[in-house]
PDB file of N, CA and C in Angstrom:
ATOM      1  N   MET A   1     -25.571  39.176  20.863  1.00  0.00           N
ATOM      2  CA  MET A   1     -25.686  39.786  19.550  1.00  0.00           C
ATOM      3  C   MET A   1     -26.215  38.755  18.553  1.00  0.00           C
ATOM      4  N   ASN A   2     -26.956  39.227  17.595  1.00  0.00           N
ATOM      5  CA  ASN A   2     -27.374  38.325  16.532  1.00  0.00           C
ATOM      6  C   ASN A   2     -26.336  38.381  15.393  1.00  0.00           C
ATOM      7  N   PHE A   3     -26.522  37.550  14.381  1.00  0.00           N
ATOM      8  CA  PHE A   3     -25.544  37.476  13.299  1.00  0.00           C
ATOM      9  C   PHE A   3     -25.375  38.809  12.580  1.00  0.00           C
ATOM     10  N   CYS A   4     -26.465  39.517  12.358  1.00  0.00           N
ATOM     11  CA  CYS A   4     -26.386  40.802  11.665  1.00  0.00           C
ATOM     12  C   CYS A   4     -25.545  41.795  12.460  1.00  0.00           C
ATOM     13  N   GLU A   5     -25.763  41.866  13.749  1.00  0.00           N
ATOM     14  CA  GLU A   5     -24.988  42.791  14.580  1.00  0.00           C
ATOM     15  C   GLU A   5     -23.498  42.463  14.543  1.00  0.00           C
ATOM     16  N   LEU A   6     -23.179  41.195  14.395  1.00  0.00           N
ATOM     17  CA  LEU A   6     -21.776  40.800  14.349  1.00  0.00           C
ATOM     18  C   LEU A   6     -21.080  41.194  13.051  1.00  0.00           C
ATOM     19  N   ILE A   7     -21.805  41.142  11.936  1.00  0.00           N
ATOM     20  CA  ILE A   7     -21.132  41.389  10.658  1.00  0.00           C
ATOM     21  C   ILE A   7     -21.314  42.810  10.133  1.00  0.00           C
ATOM     22  N   ALA A   8     -22.321  43.537  10.634  1.00  0.00           N
ATOM     23  CA  ALA A   8     -22.563  44.901  10.173  1.00  0.00           C
ATOM     24  C   ALA A   8     -21.695  45.884  10.955  1.00  0.00           C
ATOM     25  N   PRO A   9     -21.457  47.059  10.372  1.00  0.00           N
ATOM     26  CA  PRO A   9     -20.723  48.074  11.120  1.00  0.00           C
ATOM     27  C   PRO A   9     -21.527  48.510  12.347  1.00  0.00           C
ATOM     28  N   PRO A  10     -20.946  48.916  13.378  1.00  0.00           N
ATOM     29  CA  PRO A  10     -19.517  49.095  13.529  1.00  0.00           C
ATOM     30  C   PRO A  10     -18.785  47.849  14.021  1.00  0.00           C
ATOM     31  N   VAL A  11     -19.505  46.892  14.591  1.00  0.00           N
ATOM     32  CA  VAL A  11     -18.841  45.708  15.159  1.00  0.00           C
ATOM     33  C   VAL A  11     -18.122  44.899  14.077  1.00  0.00           C
ATOM     34  N   GLY A  12     -18.756  44.739  12.931  1.00  0.00           N
ATOM     35  CA  GLY A  12     -18.171  43.936  11.859  1.00  0.00           C
ATOM     36  C   GLY A  12     -16.875  44.492  11.303  1.00  0.00           C
ATOM     37  N   THR A  13     -16.618  45.764  11.556  1.00  0.00           N
ATOM     38  CA  THR A  13     -15.379  46.370  11.066  1.00  0.00           C
ATOM     39  C   THR A  13     -14.364  46.600  12.184  1.00  0.00           C
ATOM     40  N   ALA A  14     -14.717  46.226  13.400  1.00  0.00           N
ATOM     41  CA  ALA A  14     -13.808  46.402  14.541  1.00  0.00           C
ATOM     42  C   ALA A  14     -12.595  45.490  14.380  1.00  0.00           C
ATOM     43  N   ARG A  15     -11.433  45.997  14.740  1.00  0.00           N
ATOM     44  CA  ARG A  15     -10.197  45.228  14.549  1.00  0.00           C
ATOM     45  C   ARG A  15      -9.341  45.077  15.807  1.00  0.00           C
ATOM     46  N   THR A  16      -9.736  45.718  16.883  1.00  0.00           N
ATOM     47  CA  THR A  16      -8.896  45.656  18.073  1.00  0.00           C
ATOM     48  C   THR A  16      -9.705  45.235  19.293  1.00  0.00           C
ATOM     49  N   GLN A  17      -9.031  44.592  20.205  1.00  0.00           N
ATOM     50  CA  GLN A  17      -9.668  44.192  21.459  1.00  0.00           C
ATOM     51  C   GLN A  17     -10.137  45.412  22.226  1.00  0.00           C
ATOM     52  N   SER A  18      -9.385  46.514  22.140  1.00  0.00           N
ATOM     53  CA  SER A  18      -9.780  47.714  22.886  1.00  0.00           C
ATOM     54  C   SER A  18     -11.144  48.233  22.434  1.00  0.00           C
ATOM     55  N   TYR A  19     -11.479  48.068  21.154  1.00  0.00           N
ATOM     56  CA  TYR A  19     -12.803  48.481  20.666  1.00  0.00           C
ATOM     57  C   TYR A  19     -13.891  47.756  21.456  1.00  0.00           C
ATOM     58  N   PHE A  20     -13.738  46.444  21.594  1.00  0.00           N
ATOM     59  CA  PHE A  20     -14.730  45.640  22.314  1.00  0.00           C
ATOM     60  C   PHE A  20     -14.729  45.979  23.802  1.00  0.00           C
ATOM     61  N   ASP A  21     -13.541  46.141  24.374  1.00  0.00           N
ATOM     62  CA  ASP A  21     -13.436  46.471  25.792  1.00  0.00           C
ATOM     63  C   ASP A  21     -14.125  47.794  26.111  1.00  0.00           C
ATOM     64  N   GLU A  22     -13.900  48.817  25.278  1.00  0.00           N
ATOM     65  CA  GLU A  22     -14.486  50.140  25.497  1.00  0.00           C
ATOM     66  C   GLU A  22     -16.006  50.108  25.441  1.00  0.00           C
ATOM     67  N   ARG A  23     -16.568  49.151  24.727  1.00  0.00           N
ATOM     68  CA  ARG A  23     -18.014  49.055  24.569  1.00  0.00           C
ATOM     69  C   ARG A  23     -18.621  47.930  25.398  1.00  0.00           C
ATOM     70  N   ASN A  24     -17.784  47.364  26.259  1.00  0.00           N
ATOM     71  CA  ASN A  24     -18.226  46.280  27.143  1.00  0.00           C
ATOM     72  C   ASN A  24     -18.833  45.109  26.371  1.00  0.00           C
ATOM     73  N   ILE A  25     -18.204  44.784  25.230  1.00  0.00           N
ATOM     74  CA  ILE A  25     -18.616  43.636  24.425  1.00  0.00           C
ATOM     75  C   ILE A  25     -17.684  42.483  24.762  1.00  0.00           C
ATOM     76  N   GLN A  26     -18.249  41.425  25.277  1.00  0.00           N
ATOM     77  CA  GLN A  26     -17.451  40.274  25.678  1.00  0.00           C
ATOM     78  C   GLN A  26     -17.363  39.277  24.526  1.00  0.00           C
ATOM     79  N   ILE A  27     -16.151  38.890  24.182  1.00  0.00           N
ATOM     80  CA  ILE A  27     -15.923  37.874  23.168  1.00  0.00           C
ATOM     81  C   ILE A  27     -16.031  36.514  23.860  1.00  0.00           C
ATOM     82  N   ILE A  28     -16.877  35.659  23.343  1.00  0.00           N
ATOM     83  CA  ILE A  28     -17.037  34.324  23.917  1.00  0.00           C
ATOM     84  C   ILE A  28     -16.434  33.316  22.945  1.00  0.00           C
ATOM     85  N   ALA A  29     -15.471  32.586  23.428  1.00  0.00           N
ATOM     86  CA  ALA A  29     -14.804  31.589  22.587  1.00  0.00           C
ATOM     87  C   ALA A  29     -15.771  30.461  22.238  1.00  0.00           C
ATOM     88  N   ASN A  30     -15.553  29.882  21.066  1.00  0.00           N
ATOM     89  CA  ASN A  30     -16.356  28.716  20.702  1.00  0.00           C
ATOM     90  C   ASN A  30     -16.109  27.607  21.711  1.00  0.00           C
ATOM     91  N   LYS A  31     -17.153  26.852  21.973  1.00  0.00           N
ATOM     92  CA  LYS A  31     -17.044  25.718  22.877  1.00  0.00           C
ATOM     93  C   LYS A  31     -16.283  24.600  22.183  1.00  0.00           C
ATOM     94  N   GLU A  32     -15.637  23.774  22.994  1.00  0.00           N
ATOM     95  CA  GLU A  32     -14.882  22.643  22.460  1.00  0.00           C
ATOM     96  C   GLU A  32     -15.751  21.787  21.541  1.00  0.00           C
ATOM     97  N   GLU A  33     -16.986  21.559  21.954  1.00  0.00           N
ATOM     98  CA  GLU A  33     -17.919  20.742  21.165  1.00  0.00           C
ATOM     99  C   GLU A  33     -18.180  21.379  19.792  1.00  0.00           C
ATOM    100  N   GLU A  34     -18.319  22.706  19.753  1.00  0.00           N
ATOM    101  CA  GLU A  34     -18.574  23.399  18.493  1.00  0.00           C
ATOM    102  C   GLU A  34     -17.386  23.272  17.541  1.00  0.00           C
ATOM    103  N   ILE A  35     -16.196  23.396  18.079  1.00  0.00           N
ATOM    104  CA  ILE A  35     -14.988  23.260  17.258  1.00  0.00           C
ATOM    105  C   ILE A  35     -14.866  21.836  16.734  1.00  0.00           C
ATOM    106  N   LYS A  36     -15.108  20.888  17.605  1.00  0.00           N
ATOM    107  CA  LYS A  36     -15.039  19.473  17.232  1.00  0.00           C
ATOM    108  C   LYS A  36     -16.036  19.150  16.115  1.00  0.00           C
ATOM    109  N   GLU A  37     -17.268  19.654  16.242  1.00  0.00           N
ATOM    110  CA  GLU A  37     -18.295  19.412  15.227  1.00  0.00           C
ATOM    111  C   GLU A  37     -17.884  20.002  13.881  1.00  0.00           C
ATOM    112  N   LEU A  38     -17.316  21.190  13.907  1.00  0.00           N
ATOM    113  CA  LEU A  38     -16.913  21.840  12.666  1.00  0.00           C
ATOM    114  C   LEU A  38     -15.758  21.102  12.002  1.00  0.00           C
ATOM    115  N   VAL A  39     -14.778  20.676  12.794  1.00  0.00           N
ATOM    116  CA  VAL A  39     -13.660  19.920  12.236  1.00  0.00           C
ATOM    117  C   VAL A  39     -14.167  18.618  11.626  1.00  0.00           C
ATOM    118  N   GLN A  40     -15.076  17.952  12.316  1.00  0.00           N
ATOM    119  CA  GLN A  40     -15.658  16.708  11.792  1.00  0.00           C
ATOM    120  C   GLN A  40     -16.378  16.962  10.470  1.00  0.00           C
ATOM    121  N   GLU A  41     -17.133  18.053  10.422  1.00  0.00           N
ATOM    122  CA  GLU A  41     -17.844  18.414   9.193  1.00  0.00           C
ATOM    123  C   GLU A  41     -16.860  18.655   8.051  1.00  0.00           C
ATOM    124  N   MET A  42     -15.792  19.375   8.336  1.00  0.00           N
ATOM    125  CA  MET A  42     -14.784  19.659   7.306  1.00  0.00           C
ATOM    126  C   MET A  42     -14.108  18.383   6.822  1.00  0.00           C
ATOM    127  N   LEU A  43     -13.788  17.493   7.754  1.00  0.00           N
ATOM    128  CA  LEU A  43     -13.151  16.225   7.370  1.00  0.00           C
ATOM    129  C   LEU A  43     -14.082  15.381   6.510  1.00  0.00           C
ATOM    130  N   GLU A  44     -15.349  15.294   6.921  1.00  0.00           N
ATOM    131  CA  GLU A  44     -16.323  14.532   6.145  1.00  0.00           C
ATOM    132  C   GLU A  44     -16.490  15.125   4.744  1.00  0.00           C
ATOM    133  N   LYS A  45     -16.511  16.436   4.670  1.00  0.00           N
ATOM    134  CA  LYS A  45     -16.649  17.099   3.369  1.00  0.00           C
ATOM    135  C   LYS A  45     -15.427  16.807   2.501  1.00  0.00           C
ATOM    136  N   GLY A  46     -14.257  16.896   3.092  1.00  0.00           N
ATOM    137  CA  GLY A  46     -13.015  16.626   2.360  1.00  0.00           C
ATOM    138  C   GLY A  46     -12.924  15.200   1.835  1.00  0.00           C
ATOM    139  N   MET A  47     -13.547  14.273   2.534  1.00  0.00           N
ATOM    140  CA  MET A  47     -13.528  12.870   2.117  1.00  0.00           C
ATOM    141  C   MET A  47     -14.726  12.511   1.235  1.00  0.00           C
ATOM    142  N   GLY A  48     -15.565  13.499   0.948  1.00  0.00           N
ATOM    143  CA  GLY A  48     -16.717  13.252   0.091  1.00  0.00           C
ATOM    144  C   GLY A  48     -17.832  12.479   0.762  1.00  0.00           C
ATOM    145  N   ARG A  49     -17.862  12.472   2.073  1.00  0.00           N
ATOM    146  CA  ARG A  49     -18.876  11.712   2.820  1.00  0.00           C
ATOM    147  C   ARG A  49     -19.973  12.582   3.418  1.00  0.00           C
ATOM    148  N   LEU A  50     -19.926  13.870   3.161  1.00  0.00           N
ATOM    149  CA  LEU A  50     -20.851  14.784   3.816  1.00  0.00           C
ATOM    150  C   LEU A  50     -22.039  15.079   2.915  1.00  0.00           C
ATOM    151  N   THR A  51     -23.199  15.011   3.489  1.00  0.00           N
ATOM    152  CA  THR A  51     -24.398  15.454   2.791  1.00  0.00           C
ATOM    153  C   THR A  51     -25.120  16.439   3.701  1.00  0.00           C
ATOM    154  N   TYR A  52     -25.693  17.445   3.080  1.00  0.00           N
ATOM    155  CA  TYR A  52     -26.453  18.431   3.825  1.00  0.00           C
ATOM    156  C   TYR A  52     -27.929  18.181   3.598  1.00  0.00           C
ATOM    157  N   SER A  53     -28.712  18.364   4.642  1.00  0.00           N
ATOM    158  CA  SER A  53     -30.162  18.198   4.545  1.00  0.00           C
ATOM    159  C   SER A  53     -30.768  19.444   3.891  1.00  0.00           C
ATOM    160  N   ASP A  54     -32.025  19.335   3.516  1.00  0.00           N
ATOM    161  CA  ASP A  54     -32.731  20.502   2.990  1.00  0.00           C
ATOM    162  C   ASP A  54     -32.750  21.615   4.031  1.00  0.00           C
ATOM    163  N   GLU A  55     -32.925  21.233   5.298  1.00  0.00           N
ATOM    164  CA  GLU A  55     -32.913  22.219   6.390  1.00  0.00           C
ATOM    165  C   GLU A  55     -31.571  22.952   6.432  1.00  0.00           C
ATOM    166  N   ASP A  56     -30.480  22.212   6.270  1.00  0.00           N
ATOM    167  CA  ASP A  56     -29.151  22.834   6.275  1.00  0.00           C
ATOM    168  C   ASP A  56     -29.017  23.840   5.146  1.00  0.00           C
ATOM    169  N   ASP A  57     -29.482  23.463   3.968  1.00  0.00           N
ATOM    170  CA  ASP A  57     -29.394  24.367   2.814  1.00  0.00           C
ATOM    171  C   ASP A  57     -30.250  25.611   3.016  1.00  0.00           C
ATOM    172  N   ILE A  58     -31.422  25.442   3.612  1.00  0.00           N
ATOM    173  CA  ILE A  58     -32.299  26.586   3.887  1.00  0.00           C
ATOM    174  C   ILE A  58     -31.637  27.534   4.881  1.00  0.00           C
ATOM    175  N   LEU A  59     -31.044  26.978   5.935  1.00  0.00           N
ATOM    176  CA  LEU A  59     -30.367  27.815   6.938  1.00  0.00           C
ATOM    177  C   LEU A  59     -29.185  28.557   6.318  1.00  0.00           C
ATOM    178  N   GLN A  60     -28.410  27.879   5.477  1.00  0.00           N
ATOM    179  CA  GLN A  60     -27.280  28.535   4.817  1.00  0.00           C
ATOM    180  C   GLN A  60     -27.768  29.669   3.917  1.00  0.00           C
ATOM    181  N   ARG A  61     -28.832  29.419   3.179  1.00  0.00           N
ATOM    182  CA  ARG A  61     -29.387  30.437   2.287  1.00  0.00           C
ATOM    183  C   ARG A  61     -29.887  31.635   3.106  1.00  0.00           C
ATOM    184  N   LYS A  62     -30.552  31.352   4.230  1.00  0.00           N
ATOM    185  CA  LYS A  62     -31.023  32.441   5.099  1.00  0.00           C
ATOM    186  C   LYS A  62     -29.835  33.259   5.610  1.00  0.00           C
ATOM    187  N   TYR A  63     -28.752  32.571   5.965  1.00  0.00           N
ATOM    188  CA  TYR A  63     -27.561  33.287   6.436  1.00  0.00           C
ATOM    189  C   TYR A  63     -27.009  34.179   5.326  1.00  0.00           C
ATOM    190  N   GLN A  64     -26.890  33.627   4.120  1.00  0.00           N
ATOM    191  CA  GLN A  64     -26.364  34.401   2.991  1.00  0.00           C
ATOM    192  C   GLN A  64     -27.232  35.636   2.721  1.00  0.00           C
ATOM    193  N   GLU A  65     -28.557  35.443   2.731  1.00  0.00           N
ATOM    194  CA  GLU A  65     -29.481  36.560   2.490  1.00  0.00           C
ATOM    195  C   GLU A  65     -29.375  37.601   3.597  1.00  0.00           C
ATOM    196  N   MET A  66     -29.289  37.134   4.840  1.00  0.00           N
ATOM    197  CA  MET A  66     -29.155  38.043   5.969  1.00  0.00           C
ATOM    198  C   MET A  66     -27.851  38.818   5.853  1.00  0.00           C
ATOM    199  N   ALA A  67     -26.764  38.138   5.488  1.00  0.00           N
ATOM    200  CA  ALA A  67     -25.466  38.802   5.355  1.00  0.00           C
ATOM    201  C   ALA A  67     -25.528  39.881   4.281  1.00  0.00           C
ATOM    202  N   ALA A  68     -26.183  39.586   3.177  1.00  0.00           N
ATOM    203  CA  ALA A  68     -26.311  40.576   2.105  1.00  0.00           C
ATOM    204  C   ALA A  68     -27.117  41.779   2.582  1.00  0.00           C
ATOM    205  N   ASP A  69     -28.220  41.538   3.304  1.00  0.00           N
ATOM    206  CA  ASP A  69     -29.044  42.643   3.811  1.00  0.00           C
ATOM    207  C   ASP A  69     -28.285  43.485   4.830  1.00  0.00           C
ATOM    208  N   CYS A  70     -27.617  42.822   5.745  1.00  0.00           N
ATOM    209  CA  CYS A  70     -26.867  43.546   6.777  1.00  0.00           C
ATOM    210  C   CYS A  70     -25.664  44.240   6.171  1.00  0.00           C
ATOM    211  N   GLY A  71     -25.090  43.642   5.151  1.00  0.00           N
ATOM    212  CA  GLY A  71     -23.946  44.234   4.476  1.00  0.00           C
ATOM    213  C   GLY A  71     -24.282  45.544   3.804  1.00  0.00           C
ATOM    214  N   LYS A  72     -25.553  45.759   3.470  1.00  0.00           N
ATOM    215  CA  LYS A  72     -25.963  47.015   2.841  1.00  0.00           C
ATOM    216  C   LYS A  72     -25.724  48.191   3.772  1.00  0.00           C
ATOM    217  N   LEU A  73     -25.559  47.902   5.044  1.00  0.00           N
ATOM    218  CA  LEU A  73     -25.233  48.959   5.989  1.00  0.00           C
ATOM    219  C   LEU A  73     -23.827  49.499   5.726  1.00  0.00           C
ATOM    220  N   TYR A  74     -23.017  48.769   4.945  1.00  0.00           N
ATOM    221  CA  TYR A  74     -21.687  49.224   4.552  1.00  0.00           C
ATOM    222  C   TYR A  74     -21.775  50.175   3.360  1.00  0.00           C
ATOM    223  N   GLY A  75     -22.883  50.172   2.635  1.00  0.00           N
ATOM    224  CA  GLY A  75     -23.043  50.988   1.438  1.00  0.00           C
ATOM    225  C   GLY A  75     -23.936  50.246   0.465  1.00  0.00           C
ATOM    226  N   ASP A  76     -23.783  50.552  -0.807  1.00  0.00           N
ATOM    227  CA  ASP A  76     -24.632  49.948  -1.834  1.00  0.00           C
ATOM    228  C   ASP A  76     -24.242  48.516  -2.174  1.00  0.00           C
ATOM    229  N   ILE A  77     -23.065  48.096  -1.795  1.00  0.00           N
ATOM    230  CA  ILE A  77     -22.584  46.765  -2.171  1.00  0.00           C
ATOM    231  C   ILE A  77     -22.942  45.766  -1.077  1.00  0.00           C
ATOM    232  N   PRO A  78     -23.739  44.734  -1.408  1.00  0.00           N
ATOM    233  CA  PRO A  78     -24.093  43.736  -0.391  1.00  0.00           C
ATOM    234  C   PRO A  78     -22.876  42.926   0.039  1.00  0.00           C
ATOM    235  N   LEU A  79     -22.890  42.506   1.264  1.00  0.00           N
ATOM    236  CA  LEU A  79     -21.824  41.670   1.798  1.00  0.00           C
ATOM    237  C   LEU A  79     -22.024  40.250   1.297  1.00  0.00           C
ATOM    238  N   VAL A  80     -20.978  39.625   0.825  1.00  0.00           N
ATOM    239  CA  VAL A  80     -21.077  38.257   0.337  1.00  0.00           C
ATOM    240  C   VAL A  80     -20.265  37.363   1.269  1.00  0.00           C
ATOM    241  N   SER A  81     -20.905  36.345   1.773  1.00  0.00           N
ATOM    242  CA  SER A  81     -20.224  35.369   2.614  1.00  0.00           C
ATOM    243  C   SER A  81     -19.878  34.178   1.734  1.00  0.00           C
ATOM    244  N   ASN A  82     -18.598  33.967   1.482  1.00  0.00           N
ATOM    245  CA  ASN A  82     -18.166  32.928   0.550  1.00  0.00           C
ATOM    246  C   ASN A  82     -18.085  31.536   1.154  1.00  0.00           C
ATOM    247  N   GLY A  83     -18.123  31.442   2.458  1.00  0.00           N
ATOM    248  CA  GLY A  83     -18.017  30.135   3.098  1.00  0.00           C
ATOM    249  C   GLY A  83     -19.324  29.728   3.746  1.00  0.00           C
ATOM    250  N   ARG A  84     -19.379  28.482   4.108  1.00  0.00           N
ATOM    251  CA  ARG A  84     -20.544  27.982   4.846  1.00  0.00           C
ATOM    252  C   ARG A  84     -20.302  28.165   6.330  1.00  0.00           C
ATOM    253  N   ILE A  85     -21.360  28.431   7.037  1.00  0.00           N
ATOM    254  CA  ILE A  85     -21.315  28.426   8.494  1.00  0.00           C
ATOM    255  C   ILE A  85     -21.466  26.964   8.904  1.00  0.00           C
ATOM    256  N   GLY A  86     -20.747  26.547   9.908  1.00  0.00           N
ATOM    257  CA  GLY A  86     -20.830  25.163  10.365  1.00  0.00           C
ATOM    258  C   GLY A  86     -22.270  24.709  10.548  1.00  0.00           C
ATOM    259  N   ARG A  87     -22.579  23.540  10.012  1.00  0.00           N
ATOM    260  CA  ARG A  87     -23.938  22.994  10.015  1.00  0.00           C
ATOM    261  C   ARG A  87     -24.555  22.991  11.408  1.00  0.00           C
ATOM    262  N   ASN A  88     -23.892  22.398  12.367  1.00  0.00           N
ATOM    263  CA  ASN A  88     -24.455  22.279  13.714  1.00  0.00           C
ATOM    264  C   ASN A  88     -24.507  23.623  14.432  1.00  0.00           C
ATOM    265  N   PHE A  89     -23.510  24.467  14.189  1.00  0.00           N
ATOM    266  CA  PHE A  89     -23.491  25.802  14.782  1.00  0.00           C
ATOM    267  C   PHE A  89     -24.702  26.595  14.294  1.00  0.00           C
ATOM    268  N   LEU A  90     -24.956  26.535  12.995  1.00  0.00           N
ATOM    269  CA  LEU A  90     -26.072  27.271  12.427  1.00  0.00           C
ATOM    270  C   LEU A  90     -27.411  26.704  12.892  1.00  0.00           C
ATOM    271  N   ARG A  91     -27.484  25.406  13.029  1.00  0.00           N
ATOM    272  CA  ARG A  91     -28.718  24.804  13.568  1.00  0.00           C
ATOM    273  C   ARG A  91     -28.954  25.278  15.003  1.00  0.00           C
ATOM    274  N   ARG A  92     -27.873  25.258  15.785  1.00  0.00           N
ATOM    275  CA  ARG A  92     -27.967  25.611  17.202  1.00  0.00           C
ATOM    276  C   ARG A  92     -28.388  27.066  17.389  1.00  0.00           C
ATOM    277  N   TYR A  93     -27.905  27.948  16.529  1.00  0.00           N
ATOM    278  CA  TYR A  93     -28.155  29.380  16.683  1.00  0.00           C
ATOM    279  C   TYR A  93     -29.029  29.942  15.566  1.00  0.00           C
ATOM    280  N   ALA A  94     -29.897  29.119  15.005  1.00  0.00           N
ATOM    281  CA  ALA A  94     -30.776  29.544  13.907  1.00  0.00           C
ATOM    282  C   ALA A  94     -31.658  30.729  14.299  1.00  0.00           C
ATOM    283  N   SER A  95     -31.981  30.839  15.565  1.00  0.00           N
ATOM    284  CA  SER A  95     -32.835  31.960  15.996  1.00  0.00           C
ATOM    285  C   SER A  95     -32.164  33.308  15.740  1.00  0.00           C
ATOM    286  N   LEU A  96     -30.847  33.325  15.593  1.00  0.00           N
ATOM    287  CA  LEU A  96     -30.127  34.571  15.341  1.00  0.00           C
ATOM    288  C   LEU A  96     -30.242  35.016  13.891  1.00  0.00           C
ATOM    289  N   LEU A  97     -30.954  34.223  13.081  1.00  0.00           N
ATOM    290  CA  LEU A  97     -31.187  34.564  11.677  1.00  0.00           C
ATOM    291  C   LEU A  97     -32.558  35.171  11.447  1.00  0.00           C
ATOM    292  N   SER A  98     -33.398  35.187  12.454  1.00  0.00           N
ATOM    293  CA  SER A  98     -34.788  35.612  12.262  1.00  0.00           C
ATOM    294  C   SER A  98     -34.857  37.022  11.708  1.00  0.00           C
ATOM    295  N   SER A  99     -35.906  37.287  10.942  1.00  0.00           N
ATOM    296  CA  SER A  99     -36.089  38.625  10.388  1.00  0.00           C
ATOM    297  C   SER A  99     -36.248  39.644  11.513  1.00  0.00           C
ATOM    298  N   ASP A 100     -36.823  39.227  12.629  1.00  0.00           N
ATOM    299  CA  ASP A 100     -36.942  40.131  13.772  1.00  0.00           C
ATOM    300  C   ASP A 100     -35.565  40.530  14.280  1.00  0.00           C
ATOM    301  N   ALA A 101     -34.656  39.552  14.326  1.00  0.00           N
ATOM    302  CA  ALA A 101     -33.307  39.838  14.798  1.00  0.00           C
ATOM    303  C   ALA A 101     -32.609  40.800  13.843  1.00  0.00           C
ATOM    304  N   VAL A 102     -32.776  40.608  12.537  1.00  0.00           N
ATOM    305  CA  VAL A 102     -32.145  41.481  11.556  1.00  0.00           C
ATOM    306  C   VAL A 102     -32.744  42.876  11.630  1.00  0.00           C
ATOM    307  N   GLN A 103     -34.060  42.993  11.694  1.00  0.00           N
ATOM    308  CA  GLN A 103     -34.693  44.307  11.769  1.00  0.00           C
ATOM    309  C   GLN A 103     -34.303  45.032  13.050  1.00  0.00           C
ATOM    310  N   GLU A 104     -34.263  44.298  14.152  1.00  0.00           N
ATOM    311  CA  GLU A 104     -33.870  44.913  15.420  1.00  0.00           C
ATOM    312  C   GLU A 104     -32.446  45.417  15.323  1.00  0.00           C
ATOM    313  N   SER A 105     -31.573  44.619  14.712  1.00  0.00           N
ATOM    314  CA  SER A 105     -30.184  44.995  14.565  1.00  0.00           C
ATOM    315  C   SER A 105     -30.053  46.275  13.758  1.00  0.00           C
ATOM    316  N   GLU A 106     -30.800  46.383  12.670  1.00  0.00           N
ATOM    317  CA  GLU A 106     -30.724  47.564  11.815  1.00  0.00           C
ATOM    318  C   GLU A 106     -31.134  48.813  12.568  1.00  0.00           C
ATOM    319  N   SER A 107     -32.047  48.680  13.518  1.00  0.00           N
ATOM    320  CA  SER A 107     -32.516  49.853  14.236  1.00  0.00           C
ATOM    321  C   SER A 107     -31.641  50.199  15.436  1.00  0.00           C
ATOM    322  N   THR A 108     -30.797  49.282  15.886  1.00  0.00           N
ATOM    323  CA  THR A 108     -30.016  49.563  17.088  1.00  0.00           C
ATOM    324  C   THR A 108     -28.543  49.806  16.813  1.00  0.00           C
ATOM    325  N   ILE A 109     -28.067  49.511  15.634  1.00  0.00           N
ATOM    326  CA  ILE A 109     -26.648  49.717  15.330  1.00  0.00           C
ATOM    327  C   ILE A 109     -26.392  51.206  15.124  1.00  0.00           C
ATOM    328  N   GLU A 110     -25.416  51.722  15.848  1.00  0.00           N
ATOM    329  CA  GLU A 110     -25.051  53.128  15.705  1.00  0.00           C
ATOM    330  C   GLU A 110     -23.837  53.228  14.821  1.00  0.00           C
ATOM    331  N   MET A 111     -23.869  54.145  13.867  1.00  0.00           N
ATOM    332  CA  MET A 111     -22.753  54.333  12.944  1.00  0.00           C
ATOM    333  C   MET A 111     -21.724  55.254  13.542  1.00  0.00           C
TER     334      MET A 111
END
C-alpha cells in the first residue's frame, strides 16, 4: 500500500485486526533498524542537535500535501498530519509519495 491508501478510508479508519484479516491485509511491523533510526532522530531533536536537509523538508511537505489530498476522501475537511514522519523512513519509502501513487490510490479505494 502507498501512504494515501493507508490514511484514506476505508483502511485509515479501520480499528480492528479482524478488518485487516477479512481483507487479507497483512500488517508488517517496523524493522528494528527503522525503530532505532526514529528513536535516534527523536533524541537528537530533543537535545537540539538535529538538522533537517532541504530534501527532508521537501519530503515532509510532500507527505503533508498528500495527506491533505487523501484526507479529502473523508469529506470537505483535509486531513492534517501534525507530526513529522521519521526522516530515514520517509527517505526510504519516498516512492510511496508519488503523484502516481496518490492518483492510483484514489481510483482503487472502495468506500
